[in-house]
Amino acid sequence: MIDVLAILALVVVAPTWIVFHHITKWRDQKGLSADDEHMLEDLWRSARRMENRIESLEAILDAEQSDWRKKDET
């Protein structure tokens, strides 16, 4: 009887416990950590600065050489 219970525990209980354990860990880690949020915020700011720089450069090129976009398309 004890052998049957041991086998049942190894075949049914242990895998079920492992699956539920990993599901719980996955749910806990589903969101962003504080470091990830900080890095994402820094990346967003950097992207906005680059976008502003590109817009400024395009405005300068439009003012100084209006046909620069046509050269880029070829």
PDB file of N, CA and C in Angstrom:
ATOM      1  N   MET A   1       0.822  -1.205   0.000  1.00  0.00           N
ATOM      2  CA  MET A   1       0.000   0.000   0.000  1.00  0.00           C
ATOM      3  C   MET A   1       0.862   1.264   0.000  1.00  0.00           C
ATOM      4  N   ILE A   2       1.934   1.230   0.784  1.00  0.00           N
ATOM      5  CA  ILE A   2       2.823   2.390   0.847  1.00  0.00           C
ATOM      6  C   ILE A   2       3.511   2.603  -0.492  1.00  0.00           C
ATOM      7  N   ASP A   3       3.841   1.493  -1.178  1.00  0.00           N
ATOM      8  CA  ASP A   3       4.471   1.609  -2.491  1.00  0.00           C
ATOM      9  C   ASP A   3       3.536   2.300  -3.485  1.00  0.00           C
ATOM     10  N   VAL A   4       2.271   1.950  -3.427  1.00  0.00           N
ATOM     11  CA  VAL A   4       1.281   2.555  -4.321  1.00  0.00           C
ATOM     12  C   VAL A   4       1.141   4.045  -4.025  1.00  0.00           C
ATOM     13  N   LEU A   5       1.105   4.406  -2.767  1.00  0.00           N
ATOM     14  CA  LEU A   5       1.003   5.818  -2.397  1.00  0.00           C
ATOM     15  C   LEU A   5       2.252   6.600  -2.811  1.00  0.00           C
ATOM     16  N   ALA A   6       3.406   5.981  -2.688  1.00  0.00           N
ATOM     17  CA  ALA A   6       4.648   6.647  -3.091  1.00  0.00           C
ATOM     18  C   ALA A   6       4.670   6.872  -4.597  1.00  0.00           C
ATOM     19  N   ILE A   7       4.286   5.862  -5.346  1.00  0.00           N
ATOM     20  CA  ILE A   7       4.237   6.000  -6.803  1.00  0.00           C
ATOM     21  C   ILE A   7       3.200   7.036  -7.203  1.00  0.00           C
ATOM     22  N   LEU A   8       2.038   7.008  -6.560  1.00  0.00           N
ATOM     23  CA  LEU A   8       0.995   7.991  -6.842  1.00  0.00           C
ATOM     24  C   LEU A   8       1.490   9.407  -6.552  1.00  0.00           C
ATOM     25  N   ALA A   9       2.211   9.568  -5.467  1.00  0.00           N
ATOM     26  CA  ALA A   9       2.750  10.885  -5.122  1.00  0.00           C
ATOM     27  C   ALA A   9       3.761  11.343  -6.164  1.00  0.00           C
ATOM     28  N   LEU A  10       4.611  10.449  -6.621  1.00  0.00           N
ATOM     29  CA  LEU A  10       5.620  10.809  -7.618  1.00  0.00           C
ATOM     30  C   LEU A  10       5.012  11.089  -8.987  1.00  0.00           C
ATOM     31  N   VAL A  11       3.968  10.362  -9.335  1.00  0.00           N
ATOM     32  CA  VAL A  11       3.387  10.486 -10.672  1.00  0.00           C
ATOM     33  C   VAL A  11       2.366  11.613 -10.757  1.00  0.00           C
ATOM     34  N   VAL A  12       1.599  11.853  -9.709  1.00  0.00           N
ATOM     35  CA  VAL A  12       0.513  12.830  -9.766  1.00  0.00           C
ATOM     36  C   VAL A  12       0.816  14.081  -8.952  1.00  0.00           C
ATOM     37  N   VAL A  13       1.136  13.903  -7.705  1.00  0.00           N
ATOM     38  CA  VAL A  13       1.264  15.045  -6.800  1.00  0.00           C
ATOM     39  C   VAL A  13       2.485  15.894  -7.135  1.00  0.00           C
ATOM     40  N   ALA A  14       3.636  15.277  -7.311  1.00  0.00           N
ATOM     41  CA  ALA A  14       4.867  16.038  -7.556  1.00  0.00           C
ATOM     42  C   ALA A  14       4.792  16.870  -8.845  1.00  0.00           C
ATOM     43  N   PRO A  15       4.415  16.283  -9.986  1.00  0.00           N
ATOM     44  CA  PRO A  15       4.329  17.113 -11.197  1.00  0.00           C
ATOM     45  C   PRO A  15       3.298  18.236 -11.085  1.00  0.00           C
ATOM     46  N   THR A  16       2.173  17.937 -10.437  1.00  0.00           N
ATOM     47  CA  THR A  16       1.155  18.977 -10.251  1.00  0.00           C
ATOM     48  C   THR A  16       1.702  20.109  -9.399  1.00  0.00           C
ATOM     49  N   TRP A  17       2.392  19.779  -8.329  1.00  0.00           N
ATOM     50  CA  TRP A  17       2.981  20.800  -7.464  1.00  0.00           C
ATOM     51  C   TRP A  17       4.011  21.624  -8.228  1.00  0.00           C
ATOM     52  N   ILE A  18       4.844  20.965  -9.039  1.00  0.00           N
ATOM     53  CA  ILE A  18       5.867  21.683  -9.814  1.00  0.00           C
ATOM     54  C   ILE A  18       5.212  22.640 -10.800  1.00  0.00           C
ATOM     55  N   VAL A  19       4.183  22.193 -11.489  1.00  0.00           N
ATOM     56  CA  VAL A  19       3.490  23.055 -12.456  1.00  0.00           C
ATOM     57  C   VAL A  19       2.881  24.259 -11.759  1.00  0.00           C
ATOM     58  N   PHE A  20       2.168  24.051 -10.675  1.00  0.00           N
ATOM     59  CA  PHE A  20       1.560  25.177  -9.962  1.00  0.00           C
ATOM     60  C   PHE A  20       2.609  26.112  -9.370  1.00  0.00           C
ATOM     61  N   HIS A  21       3.722  25.553  -8.928  1.00  0.00           N
ATOM     62  CA  HIS A  21       4.809  26.382  -8.402  1.00  0.00           C
ATOM     63  C   HIS A  21       5.334  27.323  -9.487  1.00  0.00           C
ATOM     64  N   HIS A  22       5.571  26.793 -10.679  1.00  0.00           N
ATOM     65  CA  HIS A  22       6.097  27.618 -11.765  1.00  0.00           C
ATOM     66  C   HIS A  22       5.060  28.613 -12.283  1.00  0.00           C
ATOM     67  N   ILE A  23       3.801  28.246 -12.278  1.00  0.00           N
ATOM     68  CA  ILE A  23       2.749  29.192 -12.661  1.00  0.00           C
ATOM     69  C   ILE A  23       2.720  30.363 -11.692  1.00  0.00           C
ATOM     70  N   THR A  24       2.840  30.084 -10.409  1.00  0.00           N
ATOM     71  CA  THR A  24       2.857  31.149  -9.401  1.00  0.00           C
ATOM     72  C   THR A  24       4.066  32.052  -9.588  1.00  0.00           C
ATOM     73  N   LYS A  25       5.233  31.465  -9.818  1.00  0.00           N
ATOM     74  CA  LYS A  25       6.447  32.267 -10.046  1.00  0.00           C
ATOM     75  C   LYS A  25       6.293  33.119 -11.302  1.00  0.00           C
ATOM     76  N   TRP A  26       5.694  32.564 -12.358  1.00  0.00           N
ATOM     77  CA  TRP A  26       5.508  33.294 -13.601  1.00  0.00           C
ATOM     78  C   TRP A  26       4.586  34.493 -13.391  1.00  0.00           C
ATOM     79  N   ARG A  27       3.521  34.309 -12.625  1.00  0.00           N
ATOM     80  CA  ARG A  27       2.598  35.417 -12.341  1.00  0.00           C
ATOM     81  C   ARG A  27       3.284  36.519 -11.552  1.00  0.00           C
ATOM     82  N   ASP A  28       4.137  36.146 -10.610  1.00  0.00           N
ATOM     83  CA  ASP A  28       4.852  37.144  -9.813  1.00  0.00           C
ATOM     84  C   ASP A  28       5.813  37.963 -10.672  1.00  0.00           C
ATOM     85  N   GLN A  29       6.417  37.343 -11.664  1.00  0.00           N
ATOM     86  CA  GLN A  29       7.398  38.016 -12.504  1.00  0.00           C
ATOM     87  C   GLN A  29       6.792  38.591 -13.776  1.00  0.00           C
ATOM     88  N   LYS A  30       5.507  38.556 -13.898  1.00  0.00           N
ATOM     89  CA  LYS A  30       4.840  38.998 -15.119  1.00  0.00           C
ATOM     90  C   LYS A  30       5.039  40.492 -15.367  1.00  0.00           C
ATOM     91  N   GLY A  31       5.029  41.302 -14.338  1.00  0.00           N
ATOM     92  CA  GLY A  31       5.197  42.740 -14.488  1.00  0.00           C
ATOM     93  C   GLY A  31       6.659  43.122 -14.585  1.00  0.00           C
ATOM     94  N   LEU A  32       6.894  44.393 -14.849  1.00  0.00           N
ATOM     95  CA  LEU A  32       8.256  44.899 -14.937  1.00  0.00           C
ATOM     96  C   LEU A  32       8.804  45.182 -13.543  1.00  0.00           C
ATOM     97  N   SER A  33      10.073  44.903 -13.378  1.00  0.00           N
ATOM     98  CA  SER A  33      10.717  45.238 -12.113  1.00  0.00           C
ATOM     99  C   SER A  33      10.981  46.745 -12.087  1.00  0.00           C
ATOM    100  N   ALA A  34      11.367  47.257 -10.937  1.00  0.00           N
ATOM    101  CA  ALA A  34      11.653  48.692 -10.810  1.00  0.00           C
ATOM    102  C   ALA A  34      12.818  49.084 -11.708  1.00  0.00           C
ATOM    103  N   ASP A  35      13.831  48.225 -11.800  1.00  0.00           N
ATOM    104  CA  ASP A  35      14.967  48.515 -12.685  1.00  0.00           C
ATOM    105  C   ASP A  35      14.537  48.535 -14.148  1.00  0.00           C
ATOM    106  N   ASP A  36      13.674  47.591 -14.529  1.00  0.00           N
ATOM    107  CA  ASP A  36      13.184  47.554 -15.906  1.00  0.00           C
ATOM    108  C   ASP A  36      12.367  48.799 -16.234  1.00  0.00           C
ATOM    109  N   GLU A  37      11.527  49.229 -15.297  1.00  0.00           N
ATOM    110  CA  GLU A  37      10.735  50.436 -15.524  1.00  0.00           C
ATOM    111  C   GLU A  37      11.634  51.659 -15.662  1.00  0.00           C
ATOM    112  N   HIS A  38      12.683  51.736 -14.842  1.00  0.00           N
ATOM    113  CA  HIS A  38      13.620  52.857 -14.916  1.00  0.00           C
ATOM    114  C   HIS A  38      14.355  52.848 -16.260  1.00  0.00           C
ATOM    115  N   MET A  39      14.799  51.667 -16.698  1.00  0.00           N
ATOM    116  CA  MET A  39      15.487  51.565 -17.975  1.00  0.00           C
ATOM    117  C   MET A  39      14.549  51.928 -19.123  1.00  0.00           C
ATOM    118  N   LEU A  40      13.306  51.490 -19.053  1.00  0.00           N
ATOM    119  CA  LEU A  40      12.329  51.813 -20.085  1.00  0.00           C
ATOM    120  C   LEU A  40      12.073  53.314 -20.149  1.00  0.00           C
ATOM    121  N   GLU A  41      11.986  53.957 -18.993  1.00  0.00           N
ATOM    122  CA  GLU A  41      11.803  55.407 -18.936  1.00  0.00           C
ATOM    123  C   GLU A  41      12.998  56.127 -19.555  1.00  0.00           C
ATOM    124  N   ASP A  42      14.214  55.675 -19.253  1.00  0.00           N
ATOM    125  CA  ASP A  42      15.418  56.275 -19.839  1.00  0.00           C
ATOM    126  C   ASP A  42      15.440  56.102 -21.355  1.00  0.00           C
ATOM    127  N   LEU A  43      15.072  54.925 -21.820  1.00  0.00           N
ATOM    128  CA  LEU A  43      15.031  54.682 -23.261  1.00  0.00           C
ATOM    129  C   LEU A  43      13.988  55.557 -23.942  1.00  0.00           C
ATOM    130  N   TRP A  44      12.850  55.736 -23.289  1.00  0.00           N
ATOM    131  CA  TRP A  44      11.801  56.576 -23.863  1.00  0.00           C
ATOM    132  C   TRP A  44      12.283  58.021 -23.975  1.00  0.00           C
ATOM    133  N   ARG A  45      12.941  58.533 -22.921  1.00  0.00           N
ATOM    134  CA  ARG A  45      13.474  59.902 -22.966  1.00  0.00           C
ATOM    135  C   ARG A  45      14.523  60.044 -24.062  1.00  0.00           C
ATOM    136  N   SER A  46      15.387  59.059 -24.173  1.00  0.00           N
ATOM    137  CA  SER A  46      16.424  59.091 -25.205  1.00  0.00           C
ATOM    138  C   SER A  46      15.803  59.087 -26.599  1.00  0.00           C
ATOM    139  N   ALA A  47      14.786  58.287 -26.802  1.00  0.00           N
ATOM    140  CA  ALA A  47      14.108  58.243 -28.101  1.00  0.00           C
ATOM    141  C   ALA A  47      13.451  59.581 -28.425  1.00  0.00           C
ATOM    142  N   ARG A  48      12.837  60.205 -27.428  1.00  0.00           N
ATOM    143  CA  ARG A  48      12.214  61.523 -27.655  1.00  0.00           C
ATOM    144  C   ARG A  48      13.269  62.565 -28.023  1.00  0.00           C
ATOM    145  N   ARG A  49      14.430  62.550 -27.342  1.00  0.00           N
ATOM    146  CA  ARG A  49      15.502  63.497 -27.670  1.00  0.00           C
ATOM    147  C   ARG A  49      16.004  63.269 -29.088  1.00  0.00           C
ATOM    148  N   MET A  50      16.188  62.010 -29.464  1.00  0.00           N
ATOM    149  CA  MET A  50      16.641  61.711 -30.828  1.00  0.00           C
ATOM    150  C   MET A  50      15.607  62.151 -31.855  1.00  0.00           C
ATOM    151  N   GLU A  51      14.341  61.944 -31.553  1.00  0.00           N
ATOM    152  CA  GLU A  51      13.284  62.370 -32.468  1.00  0.00           C
ATOM    153  C   GLU A  51      13.299  63.887 -32.638  1.00  0.00           C
ATOM    154  N   ASN A  52      13.486  64.616 -31.542  1.00  0.00           N
ATOM    155  CA  ASN A  52      13.566  66.080 -31.627  1.00  0.00           C
ATOM    156  C   ASN A  52      14.775  66.518 -32.435  1.00  0.00           C
ATOM    157  N   ARG A  53      15.901  65.846 -32.261  1.00  0.00           N
ATOM    158  CA  ARG A  53      17.103  66.185 -33.030  1.00  0.00           C
ATOM    159  C   ARG A  53      16.891  65.934 -34.515  1.00  0.00           C
ATOM    160  N   ILE A  54      16.274  64.810 -34.836  1.00  0.00           N
ATOM    161  CA  ILE A  54      16.016  64.497 -36.246  1.00  0.00           C
ATOM    162  C   ILE A  54      15.087  65.535 -36.860  1.00  0.00           C
ATOM    163  N   GLU A  55      14.048  65.916 -36.127  1.00  0.00           N
ATOM    164  CA  GLU A  55      13.133  66.942 -36.636  1.00  0.00           C
ATOM    165  C   GLU A  55      13.861  68.266 -36.843  1.00  0.00           C
ATOM    166  N   SER A  56      14.762  68.622 -35.934  1.00  0.00           N
ATOM    167  CA  SER A  56      15.539  69.857 -36.085  1.00  0.00           C
ATOM    168  C   SER A  56      16.449  69.777 -37.303  1.00  0.00           C
ATOM    169  N   LEU A  57      17.124  68.646 -37.475  1.00  0.00           N
ATOM    170  CA  LEU A  57      17.995  68.480 -38.641  1.00  0.00           C
ATOM    171  C   LEU A  57      17.202  68.523 -39.942  1.00  0.00           C
ATOM    172  N   GLU A  58      16.040  67.913 -39.956  1.00  0.00           N
ATOM    173  CA  GLU A  58      15.208  67.963 -41.157  1.00  0.00           C
ATOM    174  C   GLU A  58      14.750  69.382 -41.453  1.00  0.00           C
ATOM    175  N   ALA A  59      14.422  70.142 -40.416  1.00  0.00           N
ATOM    176  CA  ALA A  59      14.020  71.536 -40.621  1.00  0.00           C
ATOM    177  C   ALA A  59      15.178  72.346 -41.181  1.00  0.00           C
ATOM    178  N   ILE A  60      16.385  72.124 -40.677  1.00  0.00           N
ATOM    179  CA  ILE A  60      17.567  72.831 -41.195  1.00  0.00           C
ATOM    180  C   ILE A  60      17.808  72.453 -42.648  1.00  0.00           C
ATOM    181  N   LEU A  61      17.733  71.169 -42.955  1.00  0.00           N
ATOM    182  CA  LEU A  61      17.928  70.734 -44.335  1.00  0.00           C
ATOM    183  C   LEU A  61      16.838  71.274 -45.251  1.00  0.00           C
ATOM    184  N   ASP A  62      15.602  71.314 -44.783  1.00  0.00           N
ATOM    185  CA  ASP A  62      14.519  71.886 -45.589  1.00  0.00           C
ATOM    186  C   ASP A  62      14.791  73.350 -45.898  1.00  0.00           C
ATOM    187  N   ALA A  63      15.328  74.089 -44.925  1.00  0.00           N
ATOM    188  CA  ALA A  63      15.591  75.517 -45.119  1.00  0.00           C
ATOM    189  C   ALA A  63      16.795  75.741 -46.026  1.00  0.00           C
ATOM    190  N   GLU A  64      17.835  74.930 -45.890  1.00  0.00           N
ATOM    191  CA  GLU A  64      19.067  75.167 -46.638  1.00  0.00           C
ATOM    192  C   GLU A  64      19.103  74.456 -47.982  1.00  0.00           C
ATOM    193  N   GLN A  65      18.512  73.294 -48.064  1.00  0.00           N
ATOM    194  CA  GLN A  65      18.543  72.528 -49.309  1.00  0.00           C
ATOM    195  C   GLN A  65      17.209  71.800 -49.443  1.00  0.00           C
ATOM    196  N   SER A  66      16.285  72.454 -50.108  1.00  0.00           N
ATOM    197  CA  SER A  66      14.905  71.968 -50.126  1.00  0.00           C
ATOM    198  C   SER A  66      14.723  70.646 -50.871  1.00  0.00           C
ATOM    199  N   ASP A  67      15.637  70.279 -51.733  1.00  0.00           N
ATOM    200  CA  ASP A  67      15.467  69.043 -52.497  1.00  0.00           C
ATOM    201  C   ASP A  67      16.217  67.852 -51.891  1.00  0.00           C
ATOM    202  N   TRP A  68      16.621  67.924 -50.653  1.00  0.00           N
ATOM    203  CA  TRP A  68      17.376  66.835 -50.027  1.00  0.00           C
ATOM    204  C   TRP A  68      16.545  65.563 -49.878  1.00  0.00           C
ATOM    205  N   ARG A  69      15.238  65.717 -49.733  1.00  0.00           N
ATOM    206  CA  ARG A  69      14.391  64.525 -49.590  1.00  0.00           C
ATOM    207  C   ARG A  69      14.316  63.742 -50.900  1.00  0.00           C
ATOM    208  N   LYS A  70      14.351  64.438 -52.023  1.00  0.00           N
ATOM    209  CA  LYS A  70      14.324  63.765 -53.319  1.00  0.00           C
ATOM    210  C   LYS A  70      15.589  62.943 -53.520  1.00  0.00           C
ATOM    211  N   LYS A  71      16.721  63.438 -53.047  1.00  0.00           N
ATOM    212  CA  LYS A  71      17.982  62.703 -53.171  1.00  0.00           C
ATOM    213  C   LYS A  71      17.945  61.440 -52.326  1.00  0.00           C
ATOM    214  N   ASP A  72      17.277  61.496 -51.205  1.00  0.00           N
ATOM    215  CA  ASP A  72      17.201  60.356 -50.298  1.00  0.00           C
ATOM    216  C   ASP A  72      16.346  59.239 -50.887  1.00  0.00           C
ATOM    217  N   GLU A  73      15.364  59.570 -51.688  1.00  0.00           N
ATOM    218  CA  GLU A  73      14.447  58.579 -52.241  1.00  0.00           C
ATOM    219  C   GLU A  73      15.079  57.771 -53.363  1.00  0.00           C
ATOM    220  N   THR A  74      16.118  58.278 -54.008  1.00  0.00           N
ATOM    221  CA  THR A  74      16.720  57.548 -55.139  1.00  0.00           C
ATOM    222  C   THR A  74      17.789  56.589 -54.730  1.00  0.00           C
TER     223      THR A  74
END
